[in-house]
Amino acid sequence: MSDKELYGYEEEDIVTLEFDDGVEEECGILGVFDALGKEYIALNPLGTEDVFIYGYKEYEEDYELIDIVDDDEFNKVVAEFEKLAVEEV
């Protein structure tokens, strides 16, 4: 059994983030959700309880993750994600 299977994600539900410093982080996709009239994605770095949230744009063959640089927007999106996460339980 691979490490990826141990974390409960299917292969197609894992993305690799590459940060500006060259560090790579494999993350499971927790979900895509709407907030503030936009789409966002919640990612879970494998083996942690952390959650990364990015803006999300999907194209026909690809997608784009967008950093949320505005603190107010970020806080509102996190609150919406937490509300959705509680509803899932």
PDB file of N, CA and C in Angstrom:
ATOM      1  N   MET A   1       0.853  -1.182   0.000  1.00  0.00           N
ATOM      2  CA  MET A   1       0.000   0.000   0.000  1.00  0.00           C
ATOM      3  C   MET A   1       0.898   1.243   0.000  1.00  0.00           C
ATOM      4  N   SER A   2       0.595   2.211  -0.871  1.00  0.00           N
ATOM      5  CA  SER A   2       1.415   3.415  -0.934  1.00  0.00           C
ATOM      6  C   SER A   2       1.002   4.400   0.158  1.00  0.00           C
ATOM      7  N   ASP A   3       1.884   5.358   0.420  1.00  0.00           N
ATOM      8  CA  ASP A   3       1.561   6.390   1.409  1.00  0.00           C
ATOM      9  C   ASP A   3       0.286   7.125   1.031  1.00  0.00           C
ATOM     10  N   LYS A   4       0.084   7.358  -0.266  1.00  0.00           N
ATOM     11  CA  LYS A   4      -1.093   8.103  -0.715  1.00  0.00           C
ATOM     12  C   LYS A   4      -2.370   7.371  -0.331  1.00  0.00           C
ATOM     13  N   GLU A   5      -2.376   6.064  -0.448  1.00  0.00           N
ATOM     14  CA  GLU A   5      -3.555   5.292  -0.060  1.00  0.00           C
ATOM     15  C   GLU A   5      -3.796   5.383   1.440  1.00  0.00           C
ATOM     16  N   LEU A   6      -2.729   5.485   2.199  1.00  0.00           N
ATOM     17  CA  LEU A   6      -2.857   5.568   3.649  1.00  0.00           C
ATOM     18  C   LEU A   6      -3.589   6.821   4.086  1.00  0.00           C
ATOM     19  N   TYR A   7      -3.497   7.869   3.307  1.00  0.00           N
ATOM     20  CA  TYR A   7      -4.141   9.123   3.681  1.00  0.00           C
ATOM     21  C   TYR A   7      -5.581   9.205   3.185  1.00  0.00           C
ATOM     22  N   GLY A   8      -6.065   8.195   2.517  1.00  0.00           N
ATOM     23  CA  GLY A   8      -7.462   8.147   2.129  1.00  0.00           C
ATOM     24  C   GLY A   8      -7.819   8.884   0.852  1.00  0.00           C
ATOM     25  N   TYR A   9      -6.843   9.335   0.108  1.00  0.00           N
ATOM     26  CA  TYR A   9      -7.112  10.040  -1.144  1.00  0.00           C
ATOM     27  C   TYR A   9      -6.875   9.112  -2.326  1.00  0.00           C
ATOM     28  N   GLU A  10      -7.674   9.272  -3.351  1.00  0.00           N
ATOM     29  CA  GLU A  10      -7.422   8.589  -4.617  1.00  0.00           C
ATOM     30  C   GLU A  10      -6.315   9.357  -5.353  1.00  0.00           C
ATOM     31  N   GLU A  11      -5.616   8.684  -6.231  1.00  0.00           N
ATOM     32  CA  GLU A  11      -4.509   9.293  -6.973  1.00  0.00           C
ATOM     33  C   GLU A  11      -4.940  10.588  -7.673  1.00  0.00           C
ATOM     34  N   GLU A  12      -6.140  10.602  -8.270  1.00  0.00           N
ATOM     35  CA  GLU A  12      -6.591  11.787  -9.001  1.00  0.00           C
ATOM     36  C   GLU A  12      -7.001  12.935  -8.077  1.00  0.00           C
ATOM     37  N   ASP A  13      -7.073  12.675  -6.773  1.00  0.00           N
ATOM     38  CA  ASP A  13      -7.430  13.709  -5.805  1.00  0.00           C
ATOM     39  C   ASP A  13      -6.216  14.269  -5.083  1.00  0.00           C
ATOM     40  N   ILE A  14      -5.034  14.057  -5.657  1.00  0.00           N
ATOM     41  CA  ILE A  14      -3.794  14.563  -5.064  1.00  0.00           C
ATOM     42  C   ILE A  14      -3.118  15.489  -6.067  1.00  0.00           C
ATOM     43  N   VAL A  15      -2.752  16.668  -5.592  1.00  0.00           N
ATOM     44  CA  VAL A  15      -2.027  17.633  -6.419  1.00  0.00           C
ATOM     45  C   VAL A  15      -0.702  17.937  -5.739  1.00  0.00           C
ATOM     46  N   THR A  16       0.270  18.329  -6.525  1.00  0.00           N
ATOM     47  CA  THR A  16       1.562  18.720  -5.978  1.00  0.00           C
ATOM     48  C   THR A  16       1.720  20.226  -6.135  1.00  0.00           C
ATOM     49  N   LEU A  17       1.866  20.903  -5.011  1.00  0.00           N
ATOM     50  CA  LEU A  17       2.108  22.344  -5.037  1.00  0.00           C
ATOM     51  C   LEU A  17       3.600  22.569  -5.089  1.00  0.00           C
ATOM     52  N   GLU A  18       4.026  23.566  -5.871  1.00  0.00           N
ATOM     53  CA  GLU A  18       5.430  23.954  -5.878  1.00  0.00           C
ATOM     54  C   GLU A  18       5.497  25.414  -5.471  1.00  0.00           C
ATOM     55  N   PHE A  19       6.167  25.669  -4.352  1.00  0.00           N
ATOM     56  CA  PHE A  19       6.265  27.015  -3.817  1.00  0.00           C
ATOM     57  C   PHE A  19       7.423  27.759  -4.477  1.00  0.00           C
ATOM     58  N   ASP A  20       7.448  29.076  -4.295  1.00  0.00           N
ATOM     59  CA  ASP A  20       8.473  29.922  -4.925  1.00  0.00           C
ATOM     60  C   ASP A  20       9.895  29.506  -4.571  1.00  0.00           C
ATOM     61  N   ASP A  21      10.078  28.909  -3.390  1.00  0.00           N
ATOM     62  CA  ASP A  21      11.422  28.498  -2.971  1.00  0.00           C
ATOM     63  C   ASP A  21      11.808  27.115  -3.501  1.00  0.00           C
ATOM     64  N   GLY A  22      10.944  26.536  -4.349  1.00  0.00           N
ATOM     65  CA  GLY A  22      11.240  25.238  -4.948  1.00  0.00           C
ATOM     66  C   GLY A  22      10.757  24.051  -4.141  1.00  0.00           C
ATOM     67  N   VAL A  23      10.264  24.283  -2.937  1.00  0.00           N
ATOM     68  CA  VAL A  23       9.749  23.208  -2.094  1.00  0.00           C
ATOM     69  C   VAL A  23       8.432  22.698  -2.686  1.00  0.00           C
ATOM     70  N   GLU A  24       8.282  21.379  -2.720  1.00  0.00           N
ATOM     71  CA  GLU A  24       7.045  20.776  -3.216  1.00  0.00           C
ATOM     72  C   GLU A  24       6.283  20.130  -2.073  1.00  0.00           C
ATOM     73  N   GLU A  25       4.958  20.186  -2.152  1.00  0.00           N
ATOM     74  CA  GLU A  25       4.083  19.639  -1.108  1.00  0.00           C
ATOM     75  C   GLU A  25       2.928  18.914  -1.794  1.00  0.00           C
ATOM     76  N   GLU A  26       2.796  17.608  -1.517  1.00  0.00           N
ATOM     77  CA  GLU A  26       1.660  16.860  -2.042  1.00  0.00           C
ATOM     78  C   GLU A  26       0.456  17.096  -1.140  1.00  0.00           C
ATOM     79  N   CYS A  27      -0.683  17.405  -1.763  1.00  0.00           N
ATOM     80  CA  CYS A  27      -1.888  17.737  -1.006  1.00  0.00           C
ATOM     81  C   CYS A  27      -3.080  16.973  -1.561  1.00  0.00           C
ATOM     82  N   GLY A  28      -3.940  16.534  -0.662  1.00  0.00           N
ATOM     83  CA  GLY A  28      -5.214  15.956  -1.054  1.00  0.00           C
ATOM     84  C   GLY A  28      -6.236  17.069  -1.222  1.00  0.00           C
ATOM     85  N   ILE A  29      -7.100  16.910  -2.209  1.00  0.00           N
ATOM     86  CA  ILE A  29      -8.149  17.901  -2.444  1.00  0.00           C
ATOM     87  C   ILE A  29      -9.314  17.612  -1.503  1.00  0.00           C
ATOM     88  N   LEU A  30      -9.564  18.546  -0.575  1.00  0.00           N
ATOM     89  CA  LEU A  30     -10.700  18.411   0.329  1.00  0.00           C
ATOM     90  C   LEU A  30     -11.992  18.806  -0.381  1.00  0.00           C
ATOM     91  N   GLY A  31     -11.905  19.777  -1.274  1.00  0.00           N
ATOM     92  CA  GLY A  31     -13.088  20.173  -2.016  1.00  0.00           C
ATOM     93  C   GLY A  31     -12.952  21.548  -2.626  1.00  0.00           C
ATOM     94  N   VAL A  32     -13.827  21.807  -3.582  1.00  0.00           N
ATOM     95  CA  VAL A  32     -13.956  23.114  -4.220  1.00  0.00           C
ATOM     96  C   VAL A  32     -15.284  23.682  -3.741  1.00  0.00           C
ATOM     97  N   PHE A  33     -15.292  24.957  -3.368  1.00  0.00           N
ATOM     98  CA  PHE A  33     -16.508  25.560  -2.835  1.00  0.00           C
ATOM     99  C   PHE A  33     -16.632  27.015  -3.274  1.00  0.00           C
ATOM    100  N   ASP A  34     -17.854  27.518  -3.238  1.00  0.00           N
ATOM    101  CA  ASP A  34     -18.135  28.908  -3.590  1.00  0.00           C
ATOM    102  C   ASP A  34     -18.176  29.764  -2.340  1.00  0.00           C
ATOM    103  N   ALA A  35     -17.616  30.959  -2.459  1.00  0.00           N
ATOM    104  CA  ALA A  35     -17.703  31.964  -1.402  1.00  0.00           C
ATOM    105  C   ALA A  35     -17.450  33.317  -2.051  1.00  0.00           C
ATOM    106  N   LEU A  36     -18.150  34.320  -1.613  1.00  0.00           N
ATOM    107  CA  LEU A  36     -17.958  35.682  -2.105  1.00  0.00           C
ATOM    108  C   LEU A  36     -18.098  35.768  -3.629  1.00  0.00           C
ATOM    109  N   GLY A  37     -18.899  34.880  -4.206  1.00  0.00           N
ATOM    110  CA  GLY A  37     -19.117  34.905  -5.647  1.00  0.00           C
ATOM    111  C   GLY A  37     -17.977  34.338  -6.478  1.00  0.00           C
ATOM    112  N   LYS A  38     -17.041  33.647  -5.831  1.00  0.00           N
ATOM    113  CA  LYS A  38     -15.898  33.039  -6.531  1.00  0.00           C
ATOM    114  C   LYS A  38     -15.757  31.594  -6.080  1.00  0.00           C
ATOM    115  N   GLU A  39     -14.918  30.850  -6.809  1.00  0.00           N
ATOM    116  CA  GLU A  39     -14.619  29.477  -6.411  1.00  0.00           C
ATOM    117  C   GLU A  39     -13.277  29.437  -5.683  1.00  0.00           C
ATOM    118  N   TYR A  40     -13.236  28.577  -4.664  1.00  0.00           N
ATOM    119  CA  TYR A  40     -12.021  28.366  -3.875  1.00  0.00           C
ATOM    120  C   TYR A  40     -11.806  26.864  -3.742  1.00  0.00           C
ATOM    121  N   ILE A  41     -10.566  26.486  -3.417  1.00  0.00           N
ATOM    122  CA  ILE A  41     -10.242  25.077  -3.220  1.00  0.00           C
ATOM    123  C   ILE A  41      -9.527  24.921  -1.873  1.00  0.00           C
ATOM    124  N   ALA A  42      -9.880  23.867  -1.165  1.00  0.00           N
ATOM    125  CA  ALA A  42      -9.245  23.542   0.112  1.00  0.00           C
ATOM    126  C   ALA A  42      -8.373  22.308  -0.100  1.00  0.00           C
ATOM    127  N   LEU A  43      -7.106  22.424   0.282  1.00  0.00           N
ATOM    128  CA  LEU A  43      -6.136  21.346   0.107  1.00  0.00           C
ATOM    129  C   LEU A  43      -5.558  20.951   1.458  1.00  0.00           C
ATOM    130  N   ASN A  44      -5.309  19.654   1.626  1.00  0.00           N
ATOM    131  CA  ASN A  44      -4.751  19.114   2.861  1.00  0.00           C
ATOM    132  C   ASN A  44      -3.378  18.511   2.570  1.00  0.00           C
ATOM    133  N   PRO A  45      -2.290  19.155   3.062  1.00  0.00           N
ATOM    134  CA  PRO A  45      -0.962  18.559   2.880  1.00  0.00           C
ATOM    135  C   PRO A  45      -0.946  17.157   3.509  1.00  0.00           C
ATOM    136  N   LEU A  46      -0.531  16.175   2.724  1.00  0.00           N
ATOM    137  CA  LEU A  46      -0.583  14.783   3.170  1.00  0.00           C
ATOM    138  C   LEU A  46       0.176  14.590   4.474  1.00  0.00           C
ATOM    139  N   GLY A  47      -0.440  13.861   5.380  1.00  0.00           N
ATOM    140  CA  GLY A  47       0.175  13.540   6.651  1.00  0.00           C
ATOM    141  C   GLY A  47       0.037  14.623   7.701  1.00  0.00           C
ATOM    142  N   THR A  48      -0.749  15.662   7.403  1.00  0.00           N
ATOM    143  CA  THR A  48      -0.946  16.751   8.369  1.00  0.00           C
ATOM    144  C   THR A  48      -2.439  16.995   8.556  1.00  0.00           C
ATOM    145  N   GLU A  49      -2.751  17.856   9.503  1.00  0.00           N
ATOM    146  CA  GLU A  49      -4.132  18.304   9.676  1.00  0.00           C
ATOM    147  C   GLU A  49      -4.301  19.718   9.139  1.00  0.00           C
ATOM    148  N   ASP A  50      -3.275  20.250   8.468  1.00  0.00           N
ATOM    149  CA  ASP A  50      -3.309  21.598   7.919  1.00  0.00           C
ATOM    150  C   ASP A  50      -4.271  21.675   6.737  1.00  0.00           C
ATOM    151  N   VAL A  51      -4.735  22.872   6.456  1.00  0.00           N
ATOM    152  CA  VAL A  51      -5.569  23.127   5.287  1.00  0.00           C
ATOM    153  C   VAL A  51      -5.039  24.374   4.600  1.00  0.00           C
ATOM    154  N   PHE A  52      -4.800  24.257   3.298  1.00  0.00           N
ATOM    155  CA  PHE A  52      -4.420  25.407   2.478  1.00  0.00           C
ATOM    156  C   PHE A  52      -5.647  25.782   1.663  1.00  0.00           C
ATOM    157  N   ILE A  53      -5.942  27.072   1.577  1.00  0.00           N
ATOM    158  CA  ILE A  53      -7.078  27.526   0.779  1.00  0.00           C
ATOM    159  C   ILE A  53      -6.572  28.508  -0.273  1.00  0.00           C
ATOM    160  N   TYR A  54      -6.991  28.272  -1.508  1.00  0.00           N
ATOM    161  CA  TYR A  54      -6.614  29.105  -2.639  1.00  0.00           C
ATOM    162  C   TYR A  54      -7.854  29.463  -3.438  1.00  0.00           C
ATOM    163  N   GLY A  55      -7.749  30.561  -4.180  1.00  0.00           N
ATOM    164  CA  GLY A  55      -8.733  30.826  -5.212  1.00  0.00           C
ATOM    165  C   GLY A  55      -8.568  29.758  -6.272  1.00  0.00           C
ATOM    166  N   TYR A  56      -9.639  29.455  -7.012  1.00  0.00           N
ATOM    167  CA  TYR A  56      -9.600  28.336  -7.951  1.00  0.00           C
ATOM    168  C   TYR A  56     -10.314  28.729  -9.229  1.00  0.00           C
ATOM    169  N   LYS A  57      -9.654  28.522 -10.366  1.00  0.00           N
ATOM    170  CA  LYS A  57     -10.263  28.720 -11.675  1.00  0.00           C
ATOM    171  C   LYS A  57     -10.031  27.461 -12.490  1.00  0.00           C
ATOM    172  N   GLU A  58     -11.105  26.921 -13.037  1.00  0.00           N
ATOM    173  CA  GLU A  58     -10.996  25.710 -13.844  1.00  0.00           C
ATOM    174  C   GLU A  58     -11.182  26.063 -15.309  1.00  0.00           C
ATOM    175  N   TYR A  59     -10.329  25.484 -16.134  1.00  0.00           N
ATOM    176  CA  TYR A  59     -10.395  25.648 -17.576  1.00  0.00           C
ATOM    177  C   TYR A  59     -10.717  24.290 -18.173  1.00  0.00           C
ATOM    178  N   GLU A  60     -10.889  24.221 -19.483  1.00  0.00           N
ATOM    179  CA  GLU A  60     -11.268  22.955 -20.123  1.00  0.00           C
ATOM    180  C   GLU A  60     -10.303  21.824 -19.800  1.00  0.00           C
ATOM    181  N   GLU A  61      -9.018  22.080 -19.886  1.00  0.00           N
ATOM    182  CA  GLU A  61      -8.022  21.022 -19.698  1.00  0.00           C
ATOM    183  C   GLU A  61      -7.123  21.250 -18.484  1.00  0.00           C
ATOM    184  N   ASP A  62      -7.335  22.325 -17.749  1.00  0.00           N
ATOM    185  CA  ASP A  62      -6.398  22.665 -16.686  1.00  0.00           C
ATOM    186  C   ASP A  62      -7.122  23.472 -15.605  1.00  0.00           C
ATOM    187  N   TYR A  63      -6.383  23.860 -14.601  1.00  0.00           N
ATOM    188  CA  TYR A  63      -6.918  24.700 -13.529  1.00  0.00           C
ATOM    189  C   TYR A  63      -5.810  25.620 -13.049  1.00  0.00           C
ATOM    190  N   GLU A  64      -6.200  26.643 -12.290  1.00  0.00           N
ATOM    191  CA  GLU A  64      -5.248  27.600 -11.748  1.00  0.00           C
ATOM    192  C   GLU A  64      -5.561  27.816 -10.267  1.00  0.00           C
ATOM    193  N   LEU A  65      -4.526  27.815  -9.441  1.00  0.00           N
ATOM    194  CA  LEU A  65      -4.660  28.161  -8.031  1.00  0.00           C
ATOM    195  C   LEU A  65      -4.204  29.601  -7.870  1.00  0.00           C
ATOM    196  N   ILE A  66      -4.995  30.383  -7.140  1.00  0.00           N
ATOM    197  CA  ILE A  66      -4.731  31.808  -7.008  1.00  0.00           C
ATOM    198  C   ILE A  66      -4.534  32.138  -5.528  1.00  0.00           C
ATOM    199  N   ASP A  67      -3.389  32.723  -5.204  1.00  0.00           N
ATOM    200  CA  ASP A  67      -3.136  33.148  -3.821  1.00  0.00           C
ATOM    201  C   ASP A  67      -4.176  34.179  -3.405  1.00  0.00           C
ATOM    202  N   ILE A  68      -4.631  34.075  -2.170  1.00  0.00           N
ATOM    203  CA  ILE A  68      -5.559  35.056  -1.609  1.00  0.00           C
ATOM    204  C   ILE A  68      -4.708  36.026  -0.797  1.00  0.00           C
ATOM    205  N   VAL A  69      -4.483  37.215  -1.336  1.00  0.00           N
ATOM    206  CA  VAL A  69      -3.569  38.164  -0.701  1.00  0.00           C
ATOM    207  C   VAL A  69      -4.284  39.145   0.221  1.00  0.00           C
ATOM    208  N   ASP A  70      -5.572  39.307   0.055  1.00  0.00           N
ATOM    209  CA  ASP A  70      -6.344  40.226   0.886  1.00  0.00           C
ATOM    210  C   ASP A  70      -6.762  39.523   2.172  1.00  0.00           C
ATOM    211  N   ASP A  71      -6.333  40.039   3.309  1.00  0.00           N
ATOM    212  CA  ASP A  71      -6.625  39.404   4.604  1.00  0.00           C
ATOM    213  C   ASP A  71      -8.120  39.305   4.879  1.00  0.00           C
ATOM    214  N   ASP A  72      -8.864  40.343   4.546  1.00  0.00           N
ATOM    215  CA  ASP A  72     -10.307  40.330   4.781  1.00  0.00           C
ATOM    216  C   ASP A  72     -10.978  39.234   3.952  1.00  0.00           C
ATOM    217  N   GLU A  73     -10.599  39.149   2.677  1.00  0.00           N
ATOM    218  CA  GLU A  73     -11.147  38.092   1.817  1.00  0.00           C
ATOM    219  C   GLU A  73     -10.780  36.722   2.382  1.00  0.00           C
ATOM    220  N   PHE A  74      -9.510  36.552   2.761  1.00  0.00           N
ATOM    221  CA  PHE A  74      -9.057  35.265   3.284  1.00  0.00           C
ATOM    222  C   PHE A  74      -9.857  34.861   4.517  1.00  0.00           C
ATOM    223  N   ASN A  75     -10.035  35.779   5.445  1.00  0.00           N
ATOM    224  CA  ASN A  75     -10.778  35.473   6.670  1.00  0.00           C
ATOM    225  C   ASN A  75     -12.225  35.074   6.378  1.00  0.00           C
ATOM    226  N   LYS A  76     -12.856  35.749   5.435  1.00  0.00           N
ATOM    227  CA  LYS A  76     -14.235  35.409   5.066  1.00  0.00           C
ATOM    228  C   LYS A  76     -14.309  34.029   4.411  1.00  0.00           C
ATOM    229  N   VAL A  77     -13.328  33.715   3.567  1.00  0.00           N
ATOM    230  CA  VAL A  77     -13.304  32.417   2.881  1.00  0.00           C
ATOM    231  C   VAL A  77     -13.050  31.298   3.892  1.00  0.00           C
ATOM    232  N   VAL A  78     -12.144  31.515   4.834  1.00  0.00           N
ATOM    233  CA  VAL A  78     -11.879  30.519   5.872  1.00  0.00           C
ATOM    234  C   VAL A  78     -13.145  30.274   6.691  1.00  0.00           C
ATOM    235  N   ALA A  79     -13.851  31.342   7.051  1.00  0.00           N
ATOM    236  CA  ALA A  79     -15.095  31.194   7.817  1.00  0.00           C
ATOM    237  C   ALA A  79     -16.119  30.381   7.036  1.00  0.00           C
ATOM    238  N   GLU A  80     -16.225  30.609   5.735  1.00  0.00           N
ATOM    239  CA  GLU A  80     -17.164  29.848   4.903  1.00  0.00           C
ATOM    240  C   GLU A  80     -16.739  28.384   4.822  1.00  0.00           C
ATOM    241  N   PHE A  81     -15.443  28.131   4.655  1.00  0.00           N
ATOM    242  CA  PHE A  81     -14.952  26.754   4.615  1.00  0.00           C
ATOM    243  C   PHE A  81     -15.248  26.037   5.929  1.00  0.00           C
ATOM    244  N   GLU A  82     -14.991  26.702   7.048  1.00  0.00           N
ATOM    245  CA  GLU A  82     -15.245  26.085   8.347  1.00  0.00           C
ATOM    246  C   GLU A  82     -16.729  25.772   8.521  1.00  0.00           C
ATOM    247  N   LYS A  83     -17.585  26.658   8.059  1.00  0.00           N
ATOM    248  CA  LYS A  83     -19.026  26.424   8.129  1.00  0.00           C
ATOM    249  C   LYS A  83     -19.405  25.192   7.303  1.00  0.00           C
ATOM    250  N   LEU A  84     -18.847  25.085   6.105  1.00  0.00           N
ATOM    251  CA  LEU A  84     -19.116  23.924   5.249  1.00  0.00           C
ATOM    252  C   LEU A  84     -18.565  22.645   5.857  1.00  0.00           C
ATOM    253  N   ALA A  85     -17.381  22.733   6.467  1.00  0.00           N
ATOM    254  CA  ALA A  85     -16.764  21.546   7.080  1.00  0.00           C
ATOM    255  C   ALA A  85     -17.614  21.029   8.237  1.00  0.00           C
ATOM    256  N   VAL A  86     -18.193  21.916   9.017  1.00  0.00           N
ATOM    257  CA  VAL A  86     -19.060  21.514  10.136  1.00  0.00           C
ATOM    258  C   VAL A  86     -20.317  20.851   9.603  1.00  0.00           C
ATOM    259  N   GLU A  87     -20.871  21.371   8.499  1.00  0.00           N
ATOM    260  CA  GLU A  87     -22.076  20.769   7.914  1.00  0.00           C
ATOM    261  C   GLU A  87     -21.826  19.360   7.404  1.00  0.00           C
ATOM    262  N   GLU A  88     -20.576  19.074   6.979  1.00  0.00           N
ATOM    263  CA  GLU A  88     -20.224  17.760   6.445  1.00  0.00           C
ATOM    264  C   GLU A  88     -20.222  16.688   7.529  1.00  0.00           C
ATOM    265  N   VAL A  89     -19.924  17.078   8.764  1.00  0.00           N
ATOM    266  CA  VAL A  89     -19.777  16.122   9.868  1.00  0.00           C
ATOM    267  C   VAL A  89     -21.085  15.585  10.338  1.00  0.00           C
TER     268      VAL A  89
END
